[in-house]
């Protein structure tokens, strides 16, 4: 499914962002950020009990082997193994999402740093 977010670059269609996470507070932060921004996303559970975060497929997304991580198919990937632009570490993910998709500054106010 392709989703459209009202107010995001008039008429642009957004594909769901893939959220790689597990049931942890850092994972919840990203889930809440995506929901607050009204972005379409798909949750992919990375089972920490099975050490899935150290599997080769996940290390192409996050070389640190930690959750959460996202892959945004609406942006160009850095490497051909990735399905979109991948970001990891909860704070970096939140800044990325707000910088790109929070056009009104509802979650992270826009500040001119000059």
PDB file of N, CA and C in Angstrom:
ATOM      1  N   UNK A   1       0.825  -1.196   0.000  1.00  0.00           N
ATOM      2  CA  UNK A   1       0.000   0.000   0.000  1.00  0.00           C
ATOM      3  C   UNK A   1       0.869   1.259   0.000  1.00  0.00           C
ATOM      4  N   UNK A   2       0.410   2.253  -0.707  1.00  0.00           N
ATOM      5  CA  UNK A   2       1.074   3.550  -0.702  1.00  0.00           C
ATOM      6  C   UNK A   2       0.146   4.510   0.029  1.00  0.00           C
ATOM      7  N   UNK A   3       0.718   5.275   0.950  1.00  0.00           N
ATOM      8  CA  UNK A   3      -0.063   6.170   1.778  1.00  0.00           C
ATOM      9  C   UNK A   3       0.237   7.609   1.400  1.00  0.00           C
ATOM     10  N   UNK A   4      -0.696   8.487   1.715  1.00  0.00           N
ATOM     11  CA  UNK A   4      -0.475   9.907   1.494  1.00  0.00           C
ATOM     12  C   UNK A   4      -0.659  10.622   2.826  1.00  0.00           C
ATOM     13  N   UNK A   5       0.300  11.462   3.193  1.00  0.00           N
ATOM     14  CA  UNK A   5       0.203  12.230   4.436  1.00  0.00           C
ATOM     15  C   UNK A   5      -0.173  13.650   4.078  1.00  0.00           C
ATOM     16  N   UNK A   6      -1.305  14.088   4.588  1.00  0.00           N
ATOM     17  CA  UNK A   6      -1.771  15.428   4.291  1.00  0.00           C
ATOM     18  C   UNK A   6      -0.760  16.449   4.802  1.00  0.00           C
ATOM     19  N   UNK A   7      -0.449  17.408   3.976  1.00  0.00           N
ATOM     20  CA  UNK A   7       0.458  18.472   4.385  1.00  0.00           C
ATOM     21  C   UNK A   7       1.914  18.192   4.073  1.00  0.00           C
ATOM     22  N   UNK A   8       2.273  16.960   3.724  1.00  0.00           N
ATOM     23  CA  UNK A   8       3.671  16.672   3.396  1.00  0.00           C
ATOM     24  C   UNK A   8       3.870  16.838   1.906  1.00  0.00           C
ATOM     25  N   UNK A   9       4.608  17.840   1.518  1.00  0.00           N
ATOM     26  CA  UNK A   9       4.951  18.117   0.129  1.00  0.00           C
ATOM     27  C   UNK A   9       3.802  17.813  -0.823  1.00  0.00           C
ATOM     28  N   UNK A  10       2.734  18.537  -0.684  1.00  0.00           N
ATOM     29  CA  UNK A  10       1.547  18.449  -1.524  1.00  0.00           C
ATOM     30  C   UNK A  10       1.558  17.360  -2.587  1.00  0.00           C
ATOM     31  N   UNK A  11       0.772  16.349  -2.365  1.00  0.00           N
ATOM     32  CA  UNK A  11       0.561  15.319  -3.359  1.00  0.00           C
ATOM     33  C   UNK A  11       1.587  14.191  -3.378  1.00  0.00           C
ATOM     34  N   UNK A  12       2.641  14.287  -2.571  1.00  0.00           N
ATOM     35  CA  UNK A  12       3.628  13.207  -2.547  1.00  0.00           C
ATOM     36  C   UNK A  12       3.022  11.958  -1.925  1.00  0.00           C
ATOM     37  N   UNK A  13       3.340  10.822  -2.500  1.00  0.00           N
ATOM     38  CA  UNK A  13       2.905   9.537  -1.968  1.00  0.00           C
ATOM     39  C   UNK A  13       4.051   8.953  -1.149  1.00  0.00           C
ATOM     40  N   UNK A  14       3.754   8.499   0.035  1.00  0.00           N
ATOM     41  CA  UNK A  14       4.786   7.921   0.900  1.00  0.00           C
ATOM     42  C   UNK A  14       4.624   6.416   1.003  1.00  0.00           C
ATOM     43  N   UNK A  15       5.733   5.713   0.851  1.00  0.00           N
ATOM     44  CA  UNK A  15       5.750   4.282   1.110  1.00  0.00           C
ATOM     45  C   UNK A  15       6.026   4.084   2.595  1.00  0.00           C
ATOM     46  N   UNK A  16       5.532   3.003   3.180  1.00  0.00           N
ATOM     47  CA  UNK A  16       5.752   2.783   4.612  1.00  0.00           C
ATOM     48  C   UNK A  16       7.245   2.656   4.951  1.00  0.00           C
ATOM     49  N   UNK A  17       7.641   3.337   6.002  1.00  0.00           N
ATOM     50  CA  UNK A  17       8.998   3.239   6.547  1.00  0.00           C
ATOM     51  C   UNK A  17       9.088   1.927   7.314  1.00  0.00           C
ATOM     52  N   UNK A  18      10.195   1.224   7.169  1.00  0.00           N
ATOM     53  CA  UNK A  18      10.385  -0.031   7.907  1.00  0.00           C
ATOM     54  C   UNK A  18      11.078   0.277   9.227  1.00  0.00           C
ATOM     55  N   UNK A  19      10.426  -0.107  10.315  1.00  0.00           N
ATOM     56  CA  UNK A  19      10.967   0.070  11.667  1.00  0.00           C
ATOM     57  C   UNK A  19      11.404  -1.289  12.187  1.00  0.00           C
ATOM     58  N   UNK A  20      12.693  -1.428  12.422  1.00  0.00           N
ATOM     59  CA  UNK A  20      13.267  -2.653  12.986  1.00  0.00           C
ATOM     60  C   UNK A  20      13.446  -2.425  14.476  1.00  0.00           C
ATOM     61  N   UNK A  21      12.725  -3.195  15.282  1.00  0.00           N
ATOM     62  CA  UNK A  21      12.705  -2.913  16.708  1.00  0.00           C
ATOM     63  C   UNK A  21      12.337  -4.150  17.507  1.00  0.00           C
ATOM     64  N   UNK A  22      12.304  -3.959  18.813  1.00  0.00           N
ATOM     65  CA  UNK A  22      11.853  -4.985  19.747  1.00  0.00           C
ATOM     66  C   UNK A  22      11.136  -4.248  20.867  1.00  0.00           C
ATOM     67  N   UNK A  23      10.620  -4.962  21.834  1.00  0.00           N
ATOM     68  CA  UNK A  23       9.832  -4.366  22.916  1.00  0.00           C
ATOM     69  C   UNK A  23      10.751  -3.721  23.952  1.00  0.00           C
ATOM     70  N   UNK A  24      11.291  -2.534  23.596  1.00  0.00           N
ATOM     71  CA  UNK A  24      12.182  -1.793  24.485  1.00  0.00           C
ATOM     72  C   UNK A  24      11.790  -0.315  24.468  1.00  0.00           C
ATOM     73  N   UNK A  25      12.163   0.442  25.489  1.00  0.00           N
ATOM     74  CA  UNK A  25      11.854   1.879  25.492  1.00  0.00           C
ATOM     75  C   UNK A  25      12.391   2.620  24.266  1.00  0.00           C
ATOM     76  N   UNK A  26      13.598   2.298  23.807  1.00  0.00           N
ATOM     77  CA  UNK A  26      14.119   2.981  22.626  1.00  0.00           C
ATOM     78  C   UNK A  26      13.287   2.667  21.388  1.00  0.00           C
ATOM     79  N   UNK A  27      12.819   1.450  21.281  1.00  0.00           N
ATOM     80  CA  UNK A  27      11.933   1.090  20.173  1.00  0.00           C
ATOM     81  C   UNK A  27      10.609   1.824  20.249  1.00  0.00           C
ATOM     82  N   UNK A  28      10.081   1.983  21.448  1.00  0.00           N
ATOM     83  CA  UNK A  28       8.808   2.690  21.621  1.00  0.00           C
ATOM     84  C   UNK A  28       8.925   4.148  21.174  1.00  0.00           C
ATOM     85  N   UNK A  29      10.075   4.773  21.446  1.00  0.00           N
ATOM     86  CA  UNK A  29      10.266   6.179  21.052  1.00  0.00           C
ATOM     87  C   UNK A  29      10.034   6.361  19.559  1.00  0.00           C
ATOM     88  N   UNK A  30      10.566   5.446  18.771  1.00  0.00           N
ATOM     89  CA  UNK A  30      10.458   5.584  17.326  1.00  0.00           C
ATOM     90  C   UNK A  30       9.038   5.279  16.869  1.00  0.00           C
ATOM     91  N   UNK A  31       8.430   4.275  17.467  1.00  0.00           N
ATOM     92  CA  UNK A  31       7.044   3.952  17.162  1.00  0.00           C
ATOM     93  C   UNK A  31       6.156   5.171  17.417  1.00  0.00           C
ATOM     94  N   UNK A  32       6.342   5.816  18.557  1.00  0.00           N
ATOM     95  CA  UNK A  32       5.548   6.999  18.904  1.00  0.00           C
ATOM     96  C   UNK A  32       5.833   8.167  17.968  1.00  0.00           C
ATOM     97  N   UNK A  33       7.091   8.357  17.598  1.00  0.00           N
ATOM     98  CA  UNK A  33       7.453   9.444  16.690  1.00  0.00           C
ATOM     99  C   UNK A  33       6.785   9.249  15.332  1.00  0.00           C
ATOM    100  N   UNK A  34       6.868   8.037  14.786  1.00  0.00           N
ATOM    101  CA  UNK A  34       6.229   7.749  13.502  1.00  0.00           C
ATOM    102  C   UNK A  34       4.718   7.971  13.573  1.00  0.00           C
ATOM    103  N   UNK A  35       4.100   7.502  14.652  1.00  0.00           N
ATOM    104  CA  UNK A  35       2.651   7.659  14.812  1.00  0.00           C
ATOM    105  C   UNK A  35       2.273   9.129  14.950  1.00  0.00           C
ATOM    106  N   UNK A  36       3.030   9.882  15.755  1.00  0.00           N
ATOM    107  CA  UNK A  36       2.728  11.300  15.961  1.00  0.00           C
ATOM    108  C   UNK A  36       2.807  12.073  14.649  1.00  0.00           C
ATOM    109  N   UNK A  37       3.801  11.747  13.832  1.00  0.00           N
ATOM    110  CA  UNK A  37       3.975  12.440  12.557  1.00  0.00           C
ATOM    111  C   UNK A  37       3.003  11.955  11.488  1.00  0.00           C
ATOM    112  N   UNK A  38       2.242  10.902  11.811  1.00  0.00           N
ATOM    113  CA  UNK A  38       1.260  10.382  10.858  1.00  0.00           C
ATOM    114  C   UNK A  38       1.889   9.693   9.668  1.00  0.00           C
ATOM    115  N   UNK A  39       3.085   9.154   9.865  1.00  0.00           N
ATOM    116  CA  UNK A  39       3.797   8.496   8.770  1.00  0.00           C
ATOM    117  C   UNK A  39       3.409   7.025   8.690  1.00  0.00           C
ATOM    118  N   UNK A  40       3.269   6.495   7.485  1.00  0.00           N
ATOM    119  CA  UNK A  40       3.007   5.063   7.366  1.00  0.00           C
ATOM    120  C   UNK A  40       4.282   4.290   7.699  1.00  0.00           C
ATOM    121  N   UNK A  41       4.130   3.205   8.450  1.00  0.00           N
ATOM    122  CA  UNK A  41       5.303   2.391   8.783  1.00  0.00           C
ATOM    123  C   UNK A  41       4.912   0.948   9.009  1.00  0.00           C
ATOM    124  N   UNK A  42       5.915   0.101   8.834  1.00  0.00           N
ATOM    125  CA  UNK A  42       5.771  -1.334   9.041  1.00  0.00           C
ATOM    126  C   UNK A  42       6.759  -1.716  10.134  1.00  0.00           C
ATOM    127  N   UNK A  43       6.281  -2.419  11.151  1.00  0.00           N
ATOM    128  CA  UNK A  43       7.147  -2.847  12.242  1.00  0.00           C
ATOM    129  C   UNK A  43       7.680  -4.246  11.960  1.00  0.00           C
ATOM    130  N   UNK A  44       8.995  -4.384  12.032  1.00  0.00           N
ATOM    131  CA  UNK A  44       9.651  -5.675  11.869  1.00  0.00           C
ATOM    132  C   UNK A  44      10.350  -5.984  13.185  1.00  0.00           C
ATOM    133  N   UNK A  45       9.873  -7.024  13.868  1.00  0.00           N
ATOM    134  CA  UNK A  45      10.455  -7.369  15.159  1.00  0.00           C
ATOM    135  C   UNK A  45      11.799  -8.059  14.971  1.00  0.00           C
ATOM    136  N   UNK A  46      12.782  -7.568  15.700  1.00  0.00           N
ATOM    137  CA  UNK A  46      14.132  -8.143  15.707  1.00  0.00           C
ATOM    138  C   UNK A  46      14.276  -8.800  17.074  1.00  0.00           C
ATOM    139  N   UNK A  47      14.195 -10.113  17.113  1.00  0.00           N
ATOM    140  CA  UNK A  47      14.162 -10.855  18.373  1.00  0.00           C
ATOM    141  C   UNK A  47      15.531 -10.845  19.051  1.00  0.00           C
ATOM    142  N   UNK A  48      15.652 -10.035  20.085  1.00  0.00           N
ATOM    143  CA  UNK A  48      16.910  -9.928  20.820  1.00  0.00           C
ATOM    144  C   UNK A  48      17.243 -11.225  21.550  1.00  0.00           C
ATOM    145  N   UNK A  49      16.222 -11.984  21.942  1.00  0.00           N
ATOM    146  CA  UNK A  49      16.452 -13.256  22.632  1.00  0.00           C
ATOM    147  C   UNK A  49      17.122 -14.289  21.723  1.00  0.00           C
ATOM    148  N   UNK A  50      16.916 -14.141  20.416  1.00  0.00           N
ATOM    149  CA  UNK A  50      17.527 -15.043  19.438  1.00  0.00           C
ATOM    150  C   UNK A  50      18.793 -14.427  18.824  1.00  0.00           C
ATOM    151  N   UNK A  51      19.203 -13.258  19.346  1.00  0.00           N
ATOM    152  CA  UNK A  51      20.395 -12.544  18.863  1.00  0.00           C
ATOM    153  C   UNK A  51      20.269 -12.125  17.388  1.00  0.00           C
ATOM    154  N   UNK A  52      19.027 -11.887  16.943  1.00  0.00           N
ATOM    155  CA  UNK A  52      18.771 -11.524  15.543  1.00  0.00           C
ATOM    156  C   UNK A  52      19.432 -10.210  15.143  1.00  0.00           C
ATOM    157  N   UNK A  53      19.700  -9.345  16.116  1.00  0.00           N
ATOM    158  CA  UNK A  53      20.331  -8.059  15.810  1.00  0.00           C
ATOM    159  C   UNK A  53      21.782  -8.212  15.351  1.00  0.00           C
ATOM    160  N   UNK A  54      22.342  -9.403  15.509  1.00  0.00           N
ATOM    161  CA  UNK A  54      23.718  -9.673  15.072  1.00  0.00           C
ATOM    162  C   UNK A  54      23.747 -10.487  13.768  1.00  0.00           C
ATOM    163  N   UNK A  55      22.581 -10.786  13.219  1.00  0.00           N
ATOM    164  CA  UNK A  55      22.504 -11.546  11.967  1.00  0.00           C
ATOM    165  C   UNK A  55      22.994 -10.691  10.802  1.00  0.00           C
ATOM    166  N   UNK A  56      23.604 -11.322   9.801  1.00  0.00           N
ATOM    167  CA  UNK A  56      24.131 -10.564   8.657  1.00  0.00           C
ATOM    168  C   UNK A  56      23.105  -9.660   7.976  1.00  0.00           C
ATOM    169  N   UNK A  57      21.852 -10.107   7.846  1.00  0.00           N
ATOM    170  CA  UNK A  57      20.836  -9.271   7.191  1.00  0.00           C
ATOM    171  C   UNK A  57      20.606  -7.978   7.961  1.00  0.00           C
ATOM    172  N   UNK A  58      20.652  -8.051   9.310  1.00  0.00           N
ATOM    173  CA  UNK A  58      20.418  -6.845  10.104  1.00  0.00           C
ATOM    174  C   UNK A  58      21.655  -5.948  10.126  1.00  0.00           C
ATOM    175  N   UNK A  59      22.827  -6.536  10.077  1.00  0.00           N
ATOM    176  CA  UNK A  59      24.060  -5.741  10.092  1.00  0.00           C
ATOM    177  C   UNK A  59      24.214  -4.890   8.834  1.00  0.00           C
ATOM    178  N   UNK A  60      23.509  -5.224   7.747  1.00  0.00           N
ATOM    179  CA  UNK A  60      23.516  -4.339   6.574  1.00  0.00           C
ATOM    180  C   UNK A  60      22.693  -3.084   6.827  1.00  0.00           C
ATOM    181  N   UNK A  61      21.780  -3.157   7.790  1.00  0.00           N
ATOM    182  CA  UNK A  61      20.948  -2.012   8.164  1.00  0.00           C
ATOM    183  C   UNK A  61      21.634  -1.190   9.244  1.00  0.00           C
ATOM    184  N   UNK A  62      22.142  -1.875  10.265  1.00  0.00           N
ATOM    185  CA  UNK A  62      22.861  -1.216  11.351  1.00  0.00           C
ATOM    186  C   UNK A  62      24.115  -2.023  11.684  1.00  0.00           C
ATOM    187  N   UNK A  63      25.276  -1.550  11.254  1.00  0.00           N
ATOM    188  CA  UNK A  63      26.527  -2.281  11.510  1.00  0.00           C
ATOM    189  C   UNK A  63      26.849  -2.435  12.996  1.00  0.00           C
ATOM    190  N   UNK A  64      26.218  -1.617  13.851  1.00  0.00           N
ATOM    191  CA  UNK A  64      26.417  -1.737  15.298  1.00  0.00           C
ATOM    192  C   UNK A  64      25.645  -2.914  15.880  1.00  0.00           C
ATOM    193  N   UNK A  65      24.680  -3.444  15.116  1.00  0.00           N
ATOM    194  CA  UNK A  65      23.905  -4.592  15.586  1.00  0.00           C
ATOM    195  C   UNK A  65      23.010  -4.273  16.758  1.00  0.00           C
ATOM    196  N   UNK A  66      22.366  -3.097  16.733  1.00  0.00           N
ATOM    197  CA  UNK A  66      21.474  -2.687  17.827  1.00  0.00           C
ATOM    198  C   UNK A  66      20.172  -2.150  17.248  1.00  0.00           C
ATOM    199  N   UNK A  67      19.129  -2.279  18.039  1.00  0.00           N
ATOM    200  CA  UNK A  67      17.836  -1.720  17.638  1.00  0.00           C
ATOM    201  C   UNK A  67      17.613  -0.445  18.443  1.00  0.00           C
ATOM    202  N   UNK A  68      16.778   0.463  17.964  1.00  0.00           N
ATOM    203  CA  UNK A  68      15.993   0.423  16.744  1.00  0.00           C
ATOM    204  C   UNK A  68      16.785   0.924  15.541  1.00  0.00           C
ATOM    205  N   UNK A  69      16.217   0.645  14.372  1.00  0.00           N
ATOM    206  CA  UNK A  69      16.737   1.153  13.104  1.00  0.00           C
ATOM    207  C   UNK A  69      15.550   1.328  12.173  1.00  0.00           C
ATOM    208  N   UNK A  70      15.682   2.219  11.215  1.00  0.00           N
ATOM    209  CA  UNK A  70      14.640   2.381  10.201  1.00  0.00           C
ATOM    210  C   UNK A  70      15.277   2.351   8.818  1.00  0.00           C
ATOM    211  N   UNK A  71      14.479   1.974   7.838  1.00  0.00           N
ATOM    212  CA  UNK A  71      14.842   2.137   6.432  1.00  0.00           C
ATOM    213  C   UNK A  71      13.687   2.882   5.775  1.00  0.00           C
ATOM    214  N   UNK A  72      14.013   4.008   5.198  1.00  0.00           N
ATOM    215  CA  UNK A  72      13.017   4.874   4.571  1.00  0.00           C
ATOM    216  C   UNK A  72      13.068   4.680   3.055  1.00  0.00           C
ATOM    217  N   UNK A  73      12.085   3.963   2.485  1.00  0.00           N
ATOM    218  CA  UNK A  73      12.094   3.715   1.049  1.00  0.00           C
ATOM    219  C   UNK A  73      11.781   4.953   0.220  1.00  0.00           C
ATOM    220  N   UNK A  74      11.424   6.043   0.885  1.00  0.00           N
ATOM    221  CA  UNK A  74      11.129   7.296   0.189  1.00  0.00           C
ATOM    222  C   UNK A  74      12.390   8.094  -0.117  1.00  0.00           C
ATOM    223  N   UNK A  75      13.532   7.618   0.386  1.00  0.00           N
ATOM    224  CA  UNK A  75      14.824   8.266   0.165  1.00  0.00           C
ATOM    225  C   UNK A  75      15.787   7.252  -0.436  1.00  0.00           C
ATOM    226  N   UNK A  76      16.764   7.729  -1.168  1.00  0.00           N
ATOM    227  CA  UNK A  76      17.733   6.846  -1.813  1.00  0.00           C
ATOM    228  C   UNK A  76      18.610   6.134  -0.786  1.00  0.00           C
ATOM    229  N   UNK A  77      18.880   4.834  -0.995  1.00  0.00           N
ATOM    230  CA  UNK A  77      19.751   4.085  -0.077  1.00  0.00           C
ATOM    231  C   UNK A  77      21.210   4.493  -0.233  1.00  0.00           C
ATOM    232  N   UNK A  78      21.974   4.259   0.813  1.00  0.00           N
ATOM    233  CA  UNK A  78      23.412   4.523   0.780  1.00  0.00           C
ATOM    234  C   UNK A  78      24.135   3.387   0.084  1.00  0.00           C
ATOM    235  N   UNK A  79      23.651   2.157   0.287  1.00  0.00           N
ATOM    236  CA  UNK A  79      24.289   1.000  -0.350  1.00  0.00           C
ATOM    237  C   UNK A  79      23.212   0.143  -1.034  1.00  0.00           C
ATOM    238  N   UNK A  80      23.598  -0.651  -2.021  1.00  0.00           N
ATOM    239  CA  UNK A  80      22.613  -1.452  -2.761  1.00  0.00           C
ATOM    240  C   UNK A  80      21.950  -2.552  -1.929  1.00  0.00           C
ATOM    241  N   UNK A  81      22.540  -2.924  -0.801  1.00  0.00           N
ATOM    242  CA  UNK A  81      21.932  -3.962   0.045  1.00  0.00           C
ATOM    243  C   UNK A  81      20.737  -3.427   0.847  1.00  0.00           C
ATOM    244  N   UNK A  82      20.607  -2.124   0.941  1.00  0.00           N
ATOM    245  CA  UNK A  82      19.562  -1.524   1.770  1.00  0.00           C
ATOM    246  C   UNK A  82      18.313  -1.216   0.956  1.00  0.00           C
ATOM    247  N   UNK A  83      17.179  -1.283   1.636  1.00  0.00           N
ATOM    248  CA  UNK A  83      15.894  -0.949   1.020  1.00  0.00           C
ATOM    249  C   UNK A  83      15.496   0.455   1.440  1.00  0.00           C
ATOM    250  N   UNK A  84      16.188   1.441   0.935  1.00  0.00           N
ATOM    251  CA  UNK A  84      15.928   2.824   1.305  1.00  0.00           C
ATOM    252  C   UNK A  84      17.044   3.359   2.181  1.00  0.00           C
ATOM    253  N   UNK A  85      16.896   4.590   2.610  1.00  0.00           N
ATOM    254  CA  UNK A  85      17.895   5.251   3.446  1.00  0.00           C
ATOM    255  C   UNK A  85      17.738   4.742   4.881  1.00  0.00           C
ATOM    256  N   UNK A  86      18.777   4.128   5.428  1.00  0.00           N
ATOM    257  CA  UNK A  86      18.696   3.525   6.762  1.00  0.00           C
ATOM    258  C   UNK A  86      19.358   4.425   7.798  1.00  0.00           C
ATOM    259  N   UNK A  87      18.710   4.520   8.958  1.00  0.00           N
ATOM    260  CA  UNK A  87      19.198   5.327  10.076  1.00  0.00           C
ATOM    261  C   UNK A  87      19.066   4.484  11.332  1.00  0.00           C
ATOM    262  N   UNK A  88      20.047   4.592  12.240  1.00  0.00           N
ATOM    263  CA  UNK A  88      19.978   3.854  13.495  1.00  0.00           C
ATOM    264  C   UNK A  88      20.336   4.759  14.654  1.00  0.00           C
ATOM    265  N   UNK A  89      20.109   4.281  15.870  1.00  0.00           N
ATOM    266  CA  UNK A  89      20.201   5.010  17.138  1.00  0.00           C
ATOM    267  C   UNK A  89      18.954   5.886  17.280  1.00  0.00           C
ATOM    268  N   UNK A  90      18.234   5.713  18.381  1.00  0.00           N
ATOM    269  CA  UNK A  90      16.917   6.335  18.537  1.00  0.00           C
ATOM    270  C   UNK A  90      16.938   7.858  18.384  1.00  0.00           C
ATOM    271  N   UNK A  91      17.905   8.533  18.967  1.00  0.00           N
ATOM    272  CA  UNK A  91      17.963   9.991  18.844  1.00  0.00           C
ATOM    273  C   UNK A  91      18.192  10.434  17.409  1.00  0.00           C
ATOM    274  N   UNK A  92      19.083   9.754  16.709  1.00  0.00           N
ATOM    275  CA  UNK A  92      19.360  10.083  15.311  1.00  0.00           C
ATOM    276  C   UNK A  92      18.125   9.832  14.442  1.00  0.00           C
ATOM    277  N   UNK A  93      17.409   8.751  14.724  1.00  0.00           N
ATOM    278  CA  UNK A  93      16.194   8.443  13.959  1.00  0.00           C
ATOM    279  C   UNK A  93      15.156   9.534  14.174  1.00  0.00           C
ATOM    280  N   UNK A  94      14.950   9.933  15.418  1.00  0.00           N
ATOM    281  CA  UNK A  94      13.960  10.963  15.721  1.00  0.00           C
ATOM    282  C   UNK A  94      14.316  12.284  15.029  1.00  0.00           C
ATOM    283  N   UNK A  95      15.585  12.670  15.068  1.00  0.00           N
ATOM    284  CA  UNK A  95      16.011  13.897  14.388  1.00  0.00           C
ATOM    285  C   UNK A  95      15.804  13.784  12.876  1.00  0.00           C
ATOM    286  N   UNK A  96      16.158  12.650  12.304  1.00  0.00           N
ATOM    287  CA  UNK A  96      15.976  12.421  10.867  1.00  0.00           C
ATOM    288  C   UNK A  96      14.497  12.573  10.490  1.00  0.00           C
ATOM    289  N   UNK A  97      13.618  11.873  11.218  1.00  0.00           N
ATOM    290  CA  UNK A  97      12.193  11.916  10.901  1.00  0.00           C
ATOM    291  C   UNK A  97      11.630  13.325  11.027  1.00  0.00           C
ATOM    292  N   UNK A  98      12.005  14.030  12.093  1.00  0.00           N
ATOM    293  CA  UNK A  98      11.495  15.385  12.290  1.00  0.00           C
ATOM    294  C   UNK A  98      12.048  16.344  11.244  1.00  0.00           C
ATOM    295  N   UNK A  99      13.325  16.211  10.926  1.00  0.00           N
ATOM    296  CA  UNK A  99      13.941  17.102   9.950  1.00  0.00           C
ATOM    297  C   UNK A  99      13.291  16.947   8.579  1.00  0.00           C
ATOM    298  N   UNK A 100      12.963  15.719   8.221  1.00  0.00           N
ATOM    299  CA  UNK A 100      12.441  15.456   6.883  1.00  0.00           C
ATOM    300  C   UNK A 100      10.923  15.553   6.795  1.00  0.00           C
ATOM    301  N   UNK A 101      10.212  15.104   7.831  1.00  0.00           N
ATOM    302  CA  UNK A 101       8.761  14.960   7.721  1.00  0.00           C
ATOM    303  C   UNK A 101       7.944  15.864   8.647  1.00  0.00           C
ATOM    304  N   UNK A 102       8.548  16.496   9.624  1.00  0.00           N
ATOM    305  CA  UNK A 102       7.804  17.392  10.526  1.00  0.00           C
ATOM    306  C   UNK A 102       7.905  18.812   9.975  1.00  0.00           C
ATOM    307  N   UNK A 103       7.261  19.036   8.844  1.00  0.00           N
ATOM    308  CA  UNK A 103       7.407  20.301   8.123  1.00  0.00           C
ATOM    309  C   UNK A 103       6.859  21.504   8.895  1.00  0.00           C
ATOM    310  N   UNK A 104       5.930  21.270   9.801  1.00  0.00           N
ATOM    311  CA  UNK A 104       5.349  22.365  10.582  1.00  0.00           C
ATOM    312  C   UNK A 104       6.052  22.582  11.919  1.00  0.00           C
ATOM    313  N   UNK A 105       6.992  21.714  12.271  1.00  0.00           N
ATOM    314  CA  UNK A 105       7.689  21.840  13.544  1.00  0.00           C
ATOM    315  C   UNK A 105       6.823  21.500  14.738  1.00  0.00           C
ATOM    316  N   UNK A 106       5.873  20.574  14.569  1.00  0.00           N
ATOM    317  CA  UNK A 106       4.969  20.202  15.667  1.00  0.00           C
ATOM    318  C   UNK A 106       5.670  19.407  16.763  1.00  0.00           C
ATOM    319  N   UNK A 107       6.570  18.521  16.376  1.00  0.00           N
ATOM    320  CA  UNK A 107       7.267  17.684  17.356  1.00  0.00           C
ATOM    321  C   UNK A 107       8.618  18.283  17.727  1.00  0.00           C
ATOM    322  N   UNK A 108       9.310  18.789  16.733  1.00  0.00           N
ATOM    323  CA  UNK A 108      10.612  19.422  16.949  1.00  0.00           C
ATOM    324  C   UNK A 108      10.560  20.797  16.298  1.00  0.00           C
ATOM    325  N   UNK A 109      10.435  21.846  17.122  1.00  0.00           N
ATOM    326  CA  UNK A 109      10.307  23.194  16.570  1.00  0.00           C
ATOM    327  C   UNK A 109      11.486  23.561  15.678  1.00  0.00           C
ATOM    328  N   UNK A 110      11.190  24.269  14.617  1.00  0.00           N
ATOM    329  CA  UNK A 110      12.223  24.752  13.694  1.00  0.00           C
ATOM    330  C   UNK A 110      12.898  25.960  14.324  1.00  0.00           C
ATOM    331  N   UNK A 111      14.227  25.910  14.406  1.00  0.00           N
ATOM    332  CA  UNK A 111      14.988  27.002  15.006  1.00  0.00           C
ATOM    333  C   UNK A 111      16.078  27.417  14.026  1.00  0.00           C
ATOM    334  N   UNK A 112      16.182  28.699  13.773  1.00  0.00           N
ATOM    335  CA  UNK A 112      17.250  29.218  12.922  1.00  0.00           C
ATOM    336  C   UNK A 112      18.500  29.347  13.783  1.00  0.00           C
ATOM    337  N   UNK A 113      19.515  28.562  13.472  1.00  0.00           N
ATOM    338  CA  UNK A 113      20.737  28.512  14.299  1.00  0.00           C
ATOM    339  C   UNK A 113      21.781  29.562  13.878  1.00  0.00           C
ATOM    340  N   UNK A 114      21.431  30.426  12.939  1.00  0.00           N
ATOM    341  CA  UNK A 114      22.400  31.430  12.505  1.00  0.00           C
ATOM    342  C   UNK A 114      22.521  32.554  13.469  1.00  0.00           C
TER     343      UNK A 114
END
